[in-house]
Amino acid sequence: MTGHDPIDTTKPHPARVYDWFLGGKDNYPVDEEMAKQLLALDARGPEMARVNRAFMHRATRWLGTEGGVRQFLDIGTGIPTEPNLHQIAQEVAPDSRIVYTDNDPIVLRHAEALLRSTPEGVTEYVQADVREPESIIEAAGTILDLTRPVALSLVALLHFVSDEDGAYELVRRLLDPLPSGSYLVISHATGDFDRESSDQARALYRQRGLTLALRSRDEFAAFFTGLDLVEPGVSLAADWRPELGEVVPVPGNEPIPGYAAVARKL
């Protein structure tokens, strides 16, 4: 574990807003205020967070069973909410090795909860930013065997990275050092279903010095160019392999506006 940055409570942080939506206690008034403003745009914020988390559980379960993966690199980990990725992975295969990465010091404070590994496996935490892919891979390489397949998990992260910040290039730089047979897992918010509230949400983030890059289905699919998509390919997060675990009931008939996919590196 590295890093001892002070926690900035003057502006919201996506990990803490997400924690508030999930009913957690590791957020500040500034995060709660932001979450409530987002709720005014779409009252299903908590359901969105739960749908996303349930996708992560199902994808991890698939990777550990059908995918045969035993190594996971999870970037943008967020504040621990059980079950965490390592608990799902090690339930399937106790010898799984997991590296968590986040740039929020509050996650570092809770890293102990992330590091409760099975005796056969390993979990470790690295404080770093997705915009520093080489340093993440270097740190991960001290814990994972980068000659063997790794599942690279970027769950609910890339919609906070703009095209100007090189979102697509960052994914390539993280994936390039990983061997054939590795997997890329992404979930991502979209503005495809309600343009007006999406524009308002983007403006809300911008006012607070934050990025919200809501990508279309085609823009999301572009992250997987050159990879072999696992069935059902690009889908709504709520619809990805529902038979593998929890499906979150969502009020109303409108889809939860987020895409998800898992793909194999050839």
C-alpha atoms as a PDB file:
ATOM      1  CA  MET A   1       0.000   0.000   0.000  1.00  0.00           C
ATOM      2  CA  THR A   2       1.255   3.447  -0.845  1.00  0.00           C
ATOM      3  CA  GLY A   3       0.160   7.045  -0.501  1.00  0.00           C
ATOM      4  CA  HIS A   4      -0.938   9.266   2.388  1.00  0.00           C
ATOM      5  CA  ASP A   5      -2.692  12.145   0.647  1.00  0.00           C
ATOM      6  CA  PRO A   6      -5.038  14.299   2.727  1.00  0.00           C
ATOM      7  CA  ILE A   7      -8.754  13.844   2.137  1.00  0.00           C
ATOM      8  CA  ASP A   8     -10.275  16.826   0.313  1.00  0.00           C
ATOM      9  CA  THR A   9     -13.728  17.452   1.788  1.00  0.00           C
ATOM     10  CA  THR A  10     -14.290  20.704  -0.106  1.00  0.00           C
ATOM     11  CA  LYS A  11     -15.493  19.033  -3.296  1.00  0.00           C
ATOM     12  CA  PRO A  12     -17.368  15.800  -3.933  1.00  0.00           C
ATOM     13  CA  HIS A  13     -15.545  12.643  -4.969  1.00  0.00           C
ATOM     14  CA  PRO A  14     -17.293  10.070  -7.197  1.00  0.00           C
ATOM     15  CA  ALA A  15     -16.326   7.171  -4.883  1.00  0.00           C
ATOM     16  CA  ARG A  16     -17.953   8.901  -1.915  1.00  0.00           C
ATOM     17  CA  VAL A  17     -21.083   9.926  -3.864  1.00  0.00           C
ATOM     18  CA  TYR A  18     -21.396   6.278  -4.924  1.00  0.00           C
ATOM     19  CA  ASP A  19     -20.959   5.240  -1.281  1.00  0.00           C
ATOM     20  CA  TRP A  20     -23.840   7.541  -0.284  1.00  0.00           C
ATOM     21  CA  PHE A  21     -26.069   5.988  -2.967  1.00  0.00           C
ATOM     22  CA  LEU A  22     -25.242   2.540  -1.570  1.00  0.00           C
ATOM     23  CA  GLY A  23     -26.216   3.643   1.944  1.00  0.00           C
ATOM     24  CA  GLY A  24     -22.627   3.862   3.206  1.00  0.00           C
ATOM     25  CA  LYS A  25     -21.286   6.140   5.918  1.00  0.00           C
ATOM     26  CA  ASP A  26     -17.954   7.073   4.326  1.00  0.00           C
ATOM     27  CA  ASN A  27     -18.967  10.327   2.694  1.00  0.00           C
ATOM     28  CA  TYR A  28     -19.088  14.000   3.590  1.00  0.00           C
ATOM     29  CA  PRO A  29     -21.814  16.683   3.410  1.00  0.00           C
ATOM     30  CA  VAL A  30     -20.419  17.856   0.067  1.00  0.00           C
ATOM     31  CA  ASP A  31     -20.884  14.315  -1.340  1.00  0.00           C
ATOM     32  CA  GLU A  32     -24.407  14.009   0.070  1.00  0.00           C
ATOM     33  CA  GLU A  33     -25.344  17.383  -1.426  1.00  0.00           C
ATOM     34  CA  MET A  34     -24.068  16.276  -4.840  1.00  0.00           C
ATOM     35  CA  ALA A  35     -25.911  12.940  -4.575  1.00  0.00           C
ATOM     36  CA  LYS A  36     -29.182  14.692  -3.726  1.00  0.00           C
ATOM     37  CA  GLN A  37     -28.782  17.046  -6.678  1.00  0.00           C
ATOM     38  CA  LEU A  38     -28.254  14.022  -8.934  1.00  0.00           C
ATOM     39  CA  LEU A  39     -31.339  12.384  -7.401  1.00  0.00           C
ATOM     40  CA  ALA A  40     -33.353  15.448  -8.406  1.00  0.00           C
ATOM     41  CA  LEU A  41     -32.375  14.678 -12.019  1.00  0.00           C
ATOM     42  CA  ASP A  42     -33.041  10.939 -11.745  1.00  0.00           C
ATOM     43  CA  ALA A  43     -34.505   9.460  -8.567  1.00  0.00           C
ATOM     44  CA  ARG A  44     -33.007   6.053  -9.345  1.00  0.00           C
ATOM     45  CA  GLY A  45     -29.456   6.928  -8.261  1.00  0.00           C
ATOM     46  CA  PRO A  46     -29.316   4.178  -5.596  1.00  0.00           C
ATOM     47  CA  GLU A  47     -30.668   1.618  -8.082  1.00  0.00           C
ATOM     48  CA  MET A  48     -28.052   2.699 -10.638  1.00  0.00           C
ATOM     49  CA  ALA A  49     -25.297   2.103  -8.098  1.00  0.00           C
ATOM     50  CA  ARG A  50     -26.720  -1.297  -7.114  1.00  0.00           C
ATOM     51  CA  VAL A  51     -27.224  -2.395 -10.744  1.00  0.00           C
ATOM     52  CA  ASN A  52     -23.614  -1.511 -11.466  1.00  0.00           C
ATOM     53  CA  ARG A  53     -22.356  -3.366  -8.404  1.00  0.00           C
ATOM     54  CA  ALA A  54     -24.457  -6.427  -9.236  1.00  0.00           C
ATOM     55  CA  PHE A  55     -22.922  -6.459 -12.746  1.00  0.00           C
ATOM     56  CA  MET A  56     -19.450  -6.461 -11.178  1.00  0.00           C
ATOM     57  CA  HIS A  57     -20.422  -9.455  -9.021  1.00  0.00           C
ATOM     58  CA  ARG A  58     -21.792 -11.403 -12.005  1.00  0.00           C
ATOM     59  CA  ALA A  59     -18.839 -10.551 -14.258  1.00  0.00           C
ATOM     60  CA  THR A  60     -16.347 -11.592 -11.576  1.00  0.00           C
ATOM     61  CA  ARG A  61     -18.226 -14.847 -11.054  1.00  0.00           C
ATOM     62  CA  TRP A  62     -18.154 -15.552 -14.806  1.00  0.00           C
ATOM     63  CA  LEU A  63     -14.441 -14.732 -15.032  1.00  0.00           C
ATOM     64  CA  GLY A  64     -13.596 -17.073 -12.160  1.00  0.00           C
ATOM     65  CA  THR A  65     -15.675 -19.957 -13.536  1.00  0.00           C
ATOM     66  CA  GLU A  66     -16.046 -19.975 -17.336  1.00  0.00           C
ATOM     67  CA  GLY A  67     -13.189 -17.517 -17.883  1.00  0.00           C
ATOM     68  CA  GLY A  68     -10.800 -19.485 -15.648  1.00  0.00           C
ATOM     69  CA  VAL A  69      -9.197 -16.227 -14.427  1.00  0.00           C
ATOM     70  CA  ARG A  70      -7.218 -16.256 -11.173  1.00  0.00           C
ATOM     71  CA  GLN A  71      -5.801 -12.703 -11.262  1.00  0.00           C
ATOM     72  CA  PHE A  72      -7.747  -9.445 -11.082  1.00  0.00           C
ATOM     73  CA  LEU A  73      -6.638  -5.817 -11.394  1.00  0.00           C
ATOM     74  CA  ASP A  74      -9.493  -3.587 -10.241  1.00  0.00           C
ATOM     75  CA  ILE A  75      -9.015   0.138 -10.932  1.00  0.00           C
ATOM     76  CA  GLY A  76     -11.340   2.705  -9.372  1.00  0.00           C
ATOM     77  CA  THR A  77     -12.128   0.325  -6.536  1.00  0.00           C
ATOM     78  CA  GLY A  78     -14.233   2.676  -4.448  1.00  0.00           C
ATOM     79  CA  ILE A  79     -15.088   2.430  -0.780  1.00  0.00           C
ATOM     80  CA  PRO A  80     -15.494  -1.203   0.321  1.00  0.00           C
ATOM     81  CA  THR A  81     -19.059  -2.539   0.238  1.00  0.00           C
ATOM     82  CA  GLU A  82     -19.417  -6.254   0.841  1.00  0.00           C
ATOM     83  CA  PRO A  83     -19.218  -8.472  -1.021  1.00  0.00           C
ATOM     84  CA  ASN A  84     -16.172  -6.950  -2.679  1.00  0.00           C
ATOM     85  CA  LEU A  85     -14.621  -8.235  -5.886  1.00  0.00           C
ATOM     86  CA  HIS A  86     -12.019 -10.332  -4.057  1.00  0.00           C
ATOM     87  CA  GLN A  87     -14.712 -12.050  -1.997  1.00  0.00           C
ATOM     88  CA  ILE A  88     -16.577 -13.134  -5.138  1.00  0.00           C
ATOM     89  CA  ALA A  89     -13.361 -14.188  -6.922  1.00  0.00           C
ATOM     90  CA  GLN A  90     -11.993 -16.128  -3.946  1.00  0.00           C
ATOM     91  CA  GLU A  91     -15.349 -17.760  -3.276  1.00  0.00           C
ATOM     92  CA  VAL A  92     -15.105 -19.205  -6.804  1.00  0.00           C
ATOM     93  CA  ALA A  93     -11.351 -19.911  -6.603  1.00  0.00           C
ATOM     94  CA  PRO A  94      -9.666 -19.418  -3.202  1.00  0.00           C
ATOM     95  CA  ASP A  95      -6.221 -18.995  -4.809  1.00  0.00           C
ATOM     96  CA  SER A  96      -7.269 -15.867  -6.744  1.00  0.00           C
ATOM     97  CA  ARG A  97      -4.962 -12.839  -6.525  1.00  0.00           C
ATOM     98  CA  ILE A  98      -6.469  -9.355  -6.537  1.00  0.00           C
ATOM     99  CA  VAL A  99      -4.911  -5.900  -6.775  1.00  0.00           C
ATOM    100  CA  TYR A 100      -7.195  -2.959  -5.977  1.00  0.00           C
ATOM    101  CA  THR A 101      -6.350   0.589  -7.093  1.00  0.00           C
ATOM    102  CA  ASP A 102      -7.986   3.930  -6.311  1.00  0.00           C
ATOM    103  CA  ASN A 103      -6.945   7.576  -6.097  1.00  0.00           C
ATOM    104  CA  ASP A 104      -9.153   8.554  -3.122  1.00  0.00           C
ATOM    105  CA  PRO A 105      -7.290   8.581   0.210  1.00  0.00           C
ATOM    106  CA  ILE A 106     -10.489   7.554   1.994  1.00  0.00           C
ATOM    107  CA  VAL A 107     -10.304   4.206   0.159  1.00  0.00           C
ATOM    108  CA  LEU A 108      -6.767   3.763   1.487  1.00  0.00           C
ATOM    109  CA  ARG A 109      -8.169   4.318   4.973  1.00  0.00           C
ATOM    110  CA  HIS A 110     -10.528   1.381   4.407  1.00  0.00           C
ATOM    111  CA  ALA A 111      -8.042  -0.800   2.546  1.00  0.00           C
ATOM    112  CA  GLU A 112      -7.817  -3.190   5.485  1.00  0.00           C
ATOM    113  CA  ALA A 113     -11.330  -4.390   4.608  1.00  0.00           C
ATOM    114  CA  LEU A 114     -10.157  -5.004   1.044  1.00  0.00           C
ATOM    115  CA  LEU A 115      -7.150  -7.018   2.176  1.00  0.00           C
ATOM    116  CA  ARG A 116      -8.934  -9.843   3.981  1.00  0.00           C
ATOM    117  CA  SER A 117      -7.783 -12.560   1.641  1.00  0.00           C
ATOM    118  CA  THR A 118      -8.191 -16.299   1.738  1.00  0.00           C
ATOM    119  CA  PRO A 119      -5.028 -18.035   2.985  1.00  0.00           C
ATOM    120  CA  GLU A 120      -4.447 -19.439  -0.521  1.00  0.00           C
ATOM    121  CA  GLY A 121      -4.948 -16.142  -2.334  1.00  0.00           C
ATOM    122  CA  VAL A 122      -3.647 -12.581  -2.143  1.00  0.00           C
ATOM    123  CA  THR A 123      -5.321  -9.187  -2.032  1.00  0.00           C
ATOM    124  CA  GLU A 124      -3.324  -5.965  -2.103  1.00  0.00           C
ATOM    125  CA  TYR A 125      -4.139  -2.279  -2.455  1.00  0.00           C
ATOM    126  CA  VAL A 126      -2.224   0.364  -4.424  1.00  0.00           C
ATOM    127  CA  GLN A 127      -3.104   4.030  -4.236  1.00  0.00           C
ATOM    128  CA  ALA A 128      -2.760   5.410  -7.759  1.00  0.00           C
ATOM    129  CA  ASP A 129      -4.723   7.196 -10.466  1.00  0.00           C
ATOM    130  CA  VAL A 130      -5.957   5.582 -13.684  1.00  0.00           C
ATOM    131  CA  ARG A 131      -4.167   8.415 -15.496  1.00  0.00           C
ATOM    132  CA  GLU A 132      -0.861   6.792 -14.413  1.00  0.00           C
ATOM    133  CA  PRO A 133      -1.241   3.407 -16.159  1.00  0.00           C
ATOM    134  CA  GLU A 134       2.455   2.517 -16.227  1.00  0.00           C
ATOM    135  CA  SER A 135       2.857   3.001 -12.471  1.00  0.00           C
ATOM    136  CA  ILE A 136      -0.278   0.898 -11.860  1.00  0.00           C
ATOM    137  CA  ILE A 137       1.036  -1.945 -14.033  1.00  0.00           C
ATOM    138  CA  GLU A 138       4.462  -1.732 -12.398  1.00  0.00           C
ATOM    139  CA  ALA A 139       2.954  -1.998  -8.902  1.00  0.00           C
ATOM    140  CA  ALA A 140       0.527  -4.741  -9.965  1.00  0.00           C
ATOM    141  CA  GLY A 141       3.427  -6.708 -11.448  1.00  0.00           C
ATOM    142  CA  THR A 142       4.946  -7.124  -7.986  1.00  0.00           C
ATOM    143  CA  ILE A 143       1.798  -8.985  -6.868  1.00  0.00           C
ATOM    144  CA  LEU A 144       0.385 -10.538 -10.049  1.00  0.00           C
ATOM    145  CA  ASP A 145       2.159 -12.757 -12.580  1.00  0.00           C
ATOM    146  CA  LEU A 146       1.831 -10.665 -15.730  1.00  0.00           C
ATOM    147  CA  THR A 147       2.777 -13.637 -17.913  1.00  0.00           C
ATOM    148  CA  ARG A 148      -0.580 -15.195 -16.989  1.00  0.00           C
ATOM    149  CA  PRO A 149      -4.087 -13.842 -17.809  1.00  0.00           C
ATOM    150  CA  VAL A 150      -5.412 -10.919 -15.764  1.00  0.00           C
ATOM    151  CA  ALA A 151      -8.947  -9.529 -15.623  1.00  0.00           C
ATOM    152  CA  LEU A 152      -8.680  -5.737 -15.880  1.00  0.00           C
ATOM    153  CA  SER A 153     -11.755  -4.264 -14.213  1.00  0.00           C
ATOM    154  CA  LEU A 154     -12.775  -0.645 -14.911  1.00  0.00           C
ATOM    155  CA  VAL A 155     -16.219  -0.591 -13.338  1.00  0.00           C
ATOM    156  CA  ALA A 156     -18.088   2.749 -13.270  1.00  0.00           C
ATOM    157  CA  LEU A 157     -14.804   4.581 -13.812  1.00  0.00           C
ATOM    158  CA  LEU A 158     -14.332   5.685 -17.412  1.00  0.00           C
ATOM    159  CA  HIS A 159     -17.304   8.058 -17.437  1.00  0.00           C
ATOM    160  CA  PHE A 160     -15.125  10.206 -15.136  1.00  0.00           C
ATOM    161  CA  VAL A 161     -12.318  10.322 -17.737  1.00  0.00           C
ATOM    162  CA  SER A 162     -12.794  12.593 -20.733  1.00  0.00           C
ATOM    163  CA  ASP A 163     -11.662  11.962 -24.297  1.00  0.00           C
ATOM    164  CA  GLU A 164      -9.327  14.942 -23.809  1.00  0.00           C
ATOM    165  CA  ASP A 165      -7.719  13.064 -20.904  1.00  0.00           C
ATOM    166  CA  GLY A 166      -7.176  10.139 -23.279  1.00  0.00           C
ATOM    167  CA  ALA A 167      -9.727   7.637 -21.954  1.00  0.00           C
ATOM    168  CA  TYR A 168      -9.290   5.224 -24.887  1.00  0.00           C
ATOM    169  CA  GLU A 169      -5.509   5.458 -24.828  1.00  0.00           C
ATOM    170  CA  LEU A 170      -5.449   4.818 -21.064  1.00  0.00           C
ATOM    171  CA  VAL A 171      -7.367   1.562 -21.557  1.00  0.00           C
ATOM    172  CA  ARG A 172      -4.902   0.488 -24.261  1.00  0.00           C
ATOM    173  CA  ARG A 173      -1.904   1.346 -22.073  1.00  0.00           C
ATOM    174  CA  LEU A 174      -3.348  -0.750 -19.247  1.00  0.00           C
ATOM    175  CA  LEU A 175      -4.259  -3.667 -21.502  1.00  0.00           C
ATOM    176  CA  ASP A 176      -1.141  -3.761 -23.704  1.00  0.00           C
ATOM    177  CA  PRO A 177       1.208  -5.211 -21.030  1.00  0.00           C
ATOM    178  CA  LEU A 178      -1.291  -7.981 -20.174  1.00  0.00           C
ATOM    179  CA  PRO A 179      -0.960 -11.329 -21.971  1.00  0.00           C
ATOM    180  CA  SER A 180      -3.344 -12.991 -24.411  1.00  0.00           C
ATOM    181  CA  GLY A 181      -6.261 -14.560 -22.580  1.00  0.00           C
ATOM    182  CA  SER A 182      -6.629 -11.532 -20.304  1.00  0.00           C
ATOM    183  CA  TYR A 183     -10.031  -9.864 -20.022  1.00  0.00           C
ATOM    184  CA  LEU A 184     -11.347  -6.296 -20.000  1.00  0.00           C
ATOM    185  CA  VAL A 185     -14.426  -5.557 -17.868  1.00  0.00           C
ATOM    186  CA  ILE A 186     -16.135  -2.151 -18.166  1.00  0.00           C
ATOM    187  CA  SER A 187     -19.389  -0.631 -17.021  1.00  0.00           C
ATOM    188  CA  HIS A 188     -20.187   2.935 -18.043  1.00  0.00           C
ATOM    189  CA  ALA A 189     -22.997   5.476 -17.639  1.00  0.00           C
ATOM    190  CA  THR A 190     -24.660   6.774 -20.785  1.00  0.00           C
ATOM    191  CA  GLY A 191     -26.779   9.710 -21.879  1.00  0.00           C
ATOM    192  CA  ASP A 192     -28.531   7.695 -24.589  1.00  0.00           C
ATOM    193  CA  PHE A 193     -31.904   7.499 -22.833  1.00  0.00           C
ATOM    194  CA  ASP A 194     -32.507  10.986 -21.394  1.00  0.00           C
ATOM    195  CA  ARG A 195     -30.515  13.739 -23.056  1.00  0.00           C
ATOM    196  CA  GLU A 196     -31.908  16.568 -20.957  1.00  0.00           C
ATOM    197  CA  SER A 197     -31.111  15.165 -17.514  1.00  0.00           C
ATOM    198  CA  SER A 198     -27.767  13.890 -18.865  1.00  0.00           C
ATOM    199  CA  ASP A 199     -26.810  17.410 -19.931  1.00  0.00           C
ATOM    200  CA  GLN A 200     -27.868  18.722 -16.508  1.00  0.00           C
ATOM    201  CA  ALA A 201     -25.786  16.054 -14.754  1.00  0.00           C
ATOM    202  CA  ARG A 202     -22.742  16.945 -16.872  1.00  0.00           C
ATOM    203  CA  ALA A 203     -23.209  20.622 -15.956  1.00  0.00           C
ATOM    204  CA  LEU A 204     -23.507  19.706 -12.259  1.00  0.00           C
ATOM    205  CA  TYR A 205     -20.170  17.860 -12.383  1.00  0.00           C
ATOM    206  CA  ARG A 206     -18.521  20.630 -14.383  1.00  0.00           C
ATOM    207  CA  GLN A 207     -19.562  23.251 -11.786  1.00  0.00           C
ATOM    208  CA  ARG A 208     -17.657  21.222  -9.192  1.00  0.00           C
ATOM    209  CA  GLY A 209     -14.536  20.806 -11.283  1.00  0.00           C
ATOM    210  CA  LEU A 210     -15.369  17.188 -12.128  1.00  0.00           C
ATOM    211  CA  THR A 211     -15.702  15.342 -15.431  1.00  0.00           C
ATOM    212  CA  LEU A 212     -18.763  13.374 -16.474  1.00  0.00           C
ATOM    213  CA  ALA A 213     -18.255  11.830 -19.917  1.00  0.00           C
ATOM    214  CA  LEU A 214     -21.511  10.041 -20.732  1.00  0.00           C
ATOM    215  CA  ARG A 215     -20.735   7.962 -23.824  1.00  0.00           C
ATOM    216  CA  SER A 216     -23.112   6.491 -26.375  1.00  0.00           C
ATOM    217  CA  ARG A 217     -23.399   2.771 -27.046  1.00  0.00           C
ATOM    218  CA  ASP A 218     -21.010   3.037 -30.015  1.00  0.00           C
ATOM    219  CA  GLU A 219     -18.528   5.128 -28.039  1.00  0.00           C
ATOM    220  CA  PHE A 220     -18.646   2.559 -25.236  1.00  0.00           C
ATOM    221  CA  ALA A 221     -18.180  -0.331 -27.678  1.00  0.00           C
ATOM    222  CA  ALA A 222     -15.043   1.387 -29.034  1.00  0.00           C
ATOM    223  CA  PHE A 223     -13.204   0.543 -25.779  1.00  0.00           C
ATOM    224  CA  PHE A 224     -13.348  -3.109 -26.907  1.00  0.00           C
ATOM    225  CA  THR A 225     -11.969  -2.666 -30.430  1.00  0.00           C
ATOM    226  CA  GLY A 226      -9.780  -5.640 -31.318  1.00  0.00           C
ATOM    227  CA  LEU A 227     -11.029  -7.772 -28.414  1.00  0.00           C
ATOM    228  CA  ASP A 228     -13.321 -10.806 -28.430  1.00  0.00           C
ATOM    229  CA  LEU A 229     -16.577  -9.843 -26.695  1.00  0.00           C
ATOM    230  CA  VAL A 230     -18.076 -12.400 -24.323  1.00  0.00           C
ATOM    231  CA  GLU A 231     -21.778 -13.091 -24.906  1.00  0.00           C
ATOM    232  CA  PRO A 232     -24.072 -11.112 -24.804  1.00  0.00           C
ATOM    233  CA  GLY A 233     -21.586  -8.474 -26.011  1.00  0.00           C
ATOM    234  CA  VAL A 234     -22.404  -4.849 -25.216  1.00  0.00           C
ATOM    235  CA  SER A 235     -25.608  -4.748 -23.170  1.00  0.00           C
ATOM    236  CA  LEU A 236     -27.314  -2.722 -20.512  1.00  0.00           C
ATOM    237  CA  ALA A 237     -25.534  -3.453 -17.229  1.00  0.00           C
ATOM    238  CA  ALA A 238     -28.772  -4.821 -15.788  1.00  0.00           C
ATOM    239  CA  ASP A 239     -29.069  -7.326 -18.670  1.00  0.00           C
ATOM    240  CA  TRP A 240     -25.567  -8.814 -18.639  1.00  0.00           C
ATOM    241  CA  ARG A 241     -25.772 -12.519 -17.683  1.00  0.00           C
ATOM    242  CA  PRO A 242     -28.604 -12.137 -15.148  1.00  0.00           C
ATOM    243  CA  GLU A 243     -28.502 -15.880 -14.406  1.00  0.00           C
ATOM    244  CA  LEU A 244     -25.142 -15.461 -12.644  1.00  0.00           C
ATOM    245  CA  GLY A 245     -26.377 -13.629  -9.582  1.00  0.00           C
ATOM    246  CA  GLU A 246     -28.312 -10.778  -8.104  1.00  0.00           C
ATOM    247  CA  VAL A 247     -30.649  -8.831 -10.370  1.00  0.00           C
ATOM    248  CA  VAL A 248     -31.683  -5.486  -8.875  1.00  0.00           C
ATOM    249  CA  PRO A 249     -35.398  -4.655  -9.154  1.00  0.00           C
ATOM    250  CA  VAL A 250     -35.810  -1.214 -10.699  1.00  0.00           C
ATOM    251  CA  PRO A 251     -38.988   0.879 -10.445  1.00  0.00           C
ATOM    252  CA  GLY A 252     -40.685   1.849 -13.701  1.00  0.00           C
ATOM    253  CA  ASN A 253     -40.057   0.625 -17.217  1.00  0.00           C
ATOM    254  CA  GLU A 254     -37.199   2.919 -18.166  1.00  0.00           C
ATOM    255  CA  PRO A 255     -33.788   1.214 -18.521  1.00  0.00           C
ATOM    256  CA  ILE A 256     -31.011   2.044 -16.068  1.00  0.00           C
ATOM    257  CA  PRO A 257     -28.726   4.172 -18.278  1.00  0.00           C
ATOM    258  CA  GLY A 258     -25.496   2.197 -18.186  1.00  0.00           C
ATOM    259  CA  TYR A 259     -23.720  -0.218 -20.550  1.00  0.00           C
ATOM    260  CA  ALA A 260     -21.493  -3.131 -19.628  1.00  0.00           C
ATOM    261  CA  ALA A 261     -19.342  -5.689 -21.408  1.00  0.00           C
ATOM    262  CA  VAL A 262     -16.581  -8.245 -20.869  1.00  0.00           C
ATOM    263  CA  ALA A 263     -14.083  -9.078 -23.615  1.00  0.00           C
ATOM    264  CA  ARG A 264     -11.069 -11.322 -24.042  1.00  0.00           C
ATOM    265  CA  LYS A 265      -7.707 -10.181 -25.325  1.00  0.00           C
ATOM    266  CA  LEU A 266      -6.667 -12.327 -28.288  1.00  0.00           C
END
